């Protein structure tokens, strides 16, 4: 409840048509709160990138000093890829 009060939204999560708007508002508000926190605490570093970028691994490797091979896509969702659950 505390965290939910930390962002501004006038959208009710209880109405089915508003759930996506609520989640978007929550995401944007959280992102802004993190950016504000880092700006107010210069000893912290913030690495921002688009997770779907093809070069996301290179960005993380550069930011954290670990090989790009450490930043891969594991446990991919087979259902999303094929539309069917994997055969057992």
C-alpha atoms as a PDB file:
ATOM      1  CA  UNK A   1       0.000   0.000   0.000  1.00  0.00           C
ATOM      2  CA  UNK A   2       2.853   2.393   0.809  1.00  0.00           C
ATOM      3  CA  UNK A   3       4.395   1.999  -2.626  1.00  0.00           C
ATOM      4  CA  UNK A   4       1.046   2.382  -4.339  1.00  0.00           C
ATOM      5  CA  UNK A   5       0.619   5.793  -2.738  1.00  0.00           C
ATOM      6  CA  UNK A   6       3.966   6.974  -4.055  1.00  0.00           C
ATOM      7  CA  UNK A   7       2.776   7.661  -7.583  1.00  0.00           C
ATOM      8  CA  UNK A   8       0.118   9.954  -8.925  1.00  0.00           C
ATOM      9  CA  UNK A   9      -2.720   8.448 -10.896  1.00  0.00           C
ATOM     10  CA  UNK A  10      -6.398   9.168 -11.197  1.00  0.00           C
ATOM     11  CA  UNK A  11      -7.093   5.802 -12.828  1.00  0.00           C
ATOM     12  CA  UNK A  12      -8.967   3.157 -10.860  1.00  0.00           C
ATOM     13  CA  UNK A  13      -7.326  -0.253 -11.119  1.00  0.00           C
ATOM     14  CA  UNK A  14     -10.661  -1.883 -10.321  1.00  0.00           C
ATOM     15  CA  UNK A  15     -12.264  -0.979 -13.635  1.00  0.00           C
ATOM     16  CA  UNK A  16     -11.218  -3.544 -16.308  1.00  0.00           C
ATOM     17  CA  UNK A  17     -10.729  -0.895 -18.989  1.00  0.00           C
ATOM     18  CA  UNK A  18      -8.327   1.045 -16.779  1.00  0.00           C
ATOM     19  CA  UNK A  19      -5.910  -1.703 -15.760  1.00  0.00           C
ATOM     20  CA  UNK A  20      -3.453  -1.087 -18.589  1.00  0.00           C
ATOM     21  CA  UNK A  21      -3.499   2.680 -17.988  1.00  0.00           C
ATOM     22  CA  UNK A  22      -2.923   2.030 -14.272  1.00  0.00           C
ATOM     23  CA  UNK A  23       0.077  -0.200 -15.007  1.00  0.00           C
ATOM     24  CA  UNK A  24       1.525   2.317 -17.455  1.00  0.00           C
ATOM     25  CA  UNK A  25       1.110   5.105 -14.881  1.00  0.00           C
ATOM     26  CA  UNK A  26       2.724   2.934 -12.197  1.00  0.00           C
ATOM     27  CA  UNK A  27       5.677   2.082 -14.447  1.00  0.00           C
ATOM     28  CA  UNK A  28       6.259   5.680 -15.522  1.00  0.00           C
ATOM     29  CA  UNK A  29       5.932   6.971 -11.977  1.00  0.00           C
ATOM     30  CA  UNK A  30       8.330   4.349 -10.632  1.00  0.00           C
ATOM     31  CA  UNK A  31      10.836   5.146 -13.373  1.00  0.00           C
ATOM     32  CA  UNK A  32      10.655   8.852 -12.525  1.00  0.00           C
ATOM     33  CA  UNK A  33      11.077   8.120  -8.798  1.00  0.00           C
ATOM     34  CA  UNK A  34      14.225   6.078  -9.482  1.00  0.00           C
ATOM     35  CA  UNK A  35      15.645   8.804 -11.757  1.00  0.00           C
ATOM     36  CA  UNK A  36      14.914  11.452  -9.127  1.00  0.00           C
ATOM     37  CA  UNK A  37      16.526   9.346  -6.390  1.00  0.00           C
ATOM     38  CA  UNK A  38      19.710   8.839  -8.408  1.00  0.00           C
ATOM     39  CA  UNK A  39      19.839  12.530  -9.300  1.00  0.00           C
ATOM     40  CA  UNK A  40      19.563  13.405  -5.593  1.00  0.00           C
ATOM     41  CA  UNK A  41      22.193  10.819  -4.599  1.00  0.00           C
ATOM     42  CA  UNK A  42      25.178  11.357  -6.925  1.00  0.00           C
ATOM     43  CA  UNK A  43      27.118   8.419  -5.458  1.00  0.00           C
ATOM     44  CA  UNK A  44      24.605   6.093  -7.149  1.00  0.00           C
ATOM     45  CA  UNK A  45      24.839   5.148 -10.810  1.00  0.00           C
ATOM     46  CA  UNK A  46      21.852   4.495 -13.030  1.00  0.00           C
ATOM     47  CA  UNK A  47      22.038   2.271 -16.086  1.00  0.00           C
ATOM     48  CA  UNK A  48      19.032   2.767 -18.351  1.00  0.00           C
ATOM     49  CA  UNK A  49      18.468   0.788 -21.519  1.00  0.00           C
ATOM     50  CA  UNK A  50      15.735  -0.856 -23.525  1.00  0.00           C
ATOM     51  CA  UNK A  51      15.721  -4.541 -22.665  1.00  0.00           C
ATOM     52  CA  UNK A  52      14.607  -5.425 -26.188  1.00  0.00           C
ATOM     53  CA  UNK A  53      17.537  -3.629 -27.856  1.00  0.00           C
ATOM     54  CA  UNK A  54      19.782  -6.036 -29.759  1.00  0.00           C
ATOM     55  CA  UNK A  55      22.821  -4.428 -28.085  1.00  0.00           C
ATOM     56  CA  UNK A  56      21.425  -4.602 -24.521  1.00  0.00           C
ATOM     57  CA  UNK A  57      24.093  -7.158 -23.592  1.00  0.00           C
ATOM     58  CA  UNK A  58      26.863  -4.843 -24.796  1.00  0.00           C
ATOM     59  CA  UNK A  59      25.387  -1.937 -22.827  1.00  0.00           C
ATOM     60  CA  UNK A  60      25.313  -4.016 -19.639  1.00  0.00           C
ATOM     61  CA  UNK A  61      28.786  -5.437 -20.279  1.00  0.00           C
ATOM     62  CA  UNK A  62      30.143  -1.925 -20.648  1.00  0.00           C
ATOM     63  CA  UNK A  63      28.306  -0.647 -17.551  1.00  0.00           C
ATOM     64  CA  UNK A  64      29.257  -3.489 -15.218  1.00  0.00           C
ATOM     65  CA  UNK A  65      32.556  -4.687 -16.626  1.00  0.00           C
ATOM     66  CA  UNK A  66      31.355  -8.237 -17.237  1.00  0.00           C
ATOM     67  CA  UNK A  67      31.558 -10.074 -20.571  1.00  0.00           C
ATOM     68  CA  UNK A  68      28.679  -9.539 -22.973  1.00  0.00           C
ATOM     69  CA  UNK A  69      28.083 -13.305 -22.895  1.00  0.00           C
ATOM     70  CA  UNK A  70      26.877 -12.925 -19.285  1.00  0.00           C
ATOM     71  CA  UNK A  71      23.859 -10.982 -20.508  1.00  0.00           C
ATOM     72  CA  UNK A  72      21.744 -13.351 -22.546  1.00  0.00           C
ATOM     73  CA  UNK A  73      18.140 -14.403 -22.934  1.00  0.00           C
ATOM     74  CA  UNK A  74      17.484 -17.562 -20.909  1.00  0.00           C
ATOM     75  CA  UNK A  75      14.254 -19.423 -20.156  1.00  0.00           C
ATOM     76  CA  UNK A  76      12.501 -18.155 -23.256  1.00  0.00           C
ATOM     77  CA  UNK A  77       8.745 -18.625 -23.298  1.00  0.00           C
ATOM     78  CA  UNK A  78       7.994 -21.495 -25.704  1.00  0.00           C
ATOM     79  CA  UNK A  79       4.267 -20.744 -25.714  1.00  0.00           C
ATOM     80  CA  UNK A  80       4.795 -17.168 -26.870  1.00  0.00           C
ATOM     81  CA  UNK A  81       7.131 -18.346 -29.611  1.00  0.00           C
ATOM     82  CA  UNK A  82       4.995 -21.190 -31.005  1.00  0.00           C
ATOM     83  CA  UNK A  83       1.547 -20.564 -29.577  1.00  0.00           C
ATOM     84  CA  UNK A  84       1.605 -24.073 -28.061  1.00  0.00           C
ATOM     85  CA  UNK A  85       2.967 -25.436 -24.784  1.00  0.00           C
ATOM     86  CA  UNK A  86       6.140 -27.545 -25.117  1.00  0.00           C
ATOM     87  CA  UNK A  87       5.680 -31.294 -25.475  1.00  0.00           C
ATOM     88  CA  UNK A  88       6.539 -33.288 -22.380  1.00  0.00           C
END
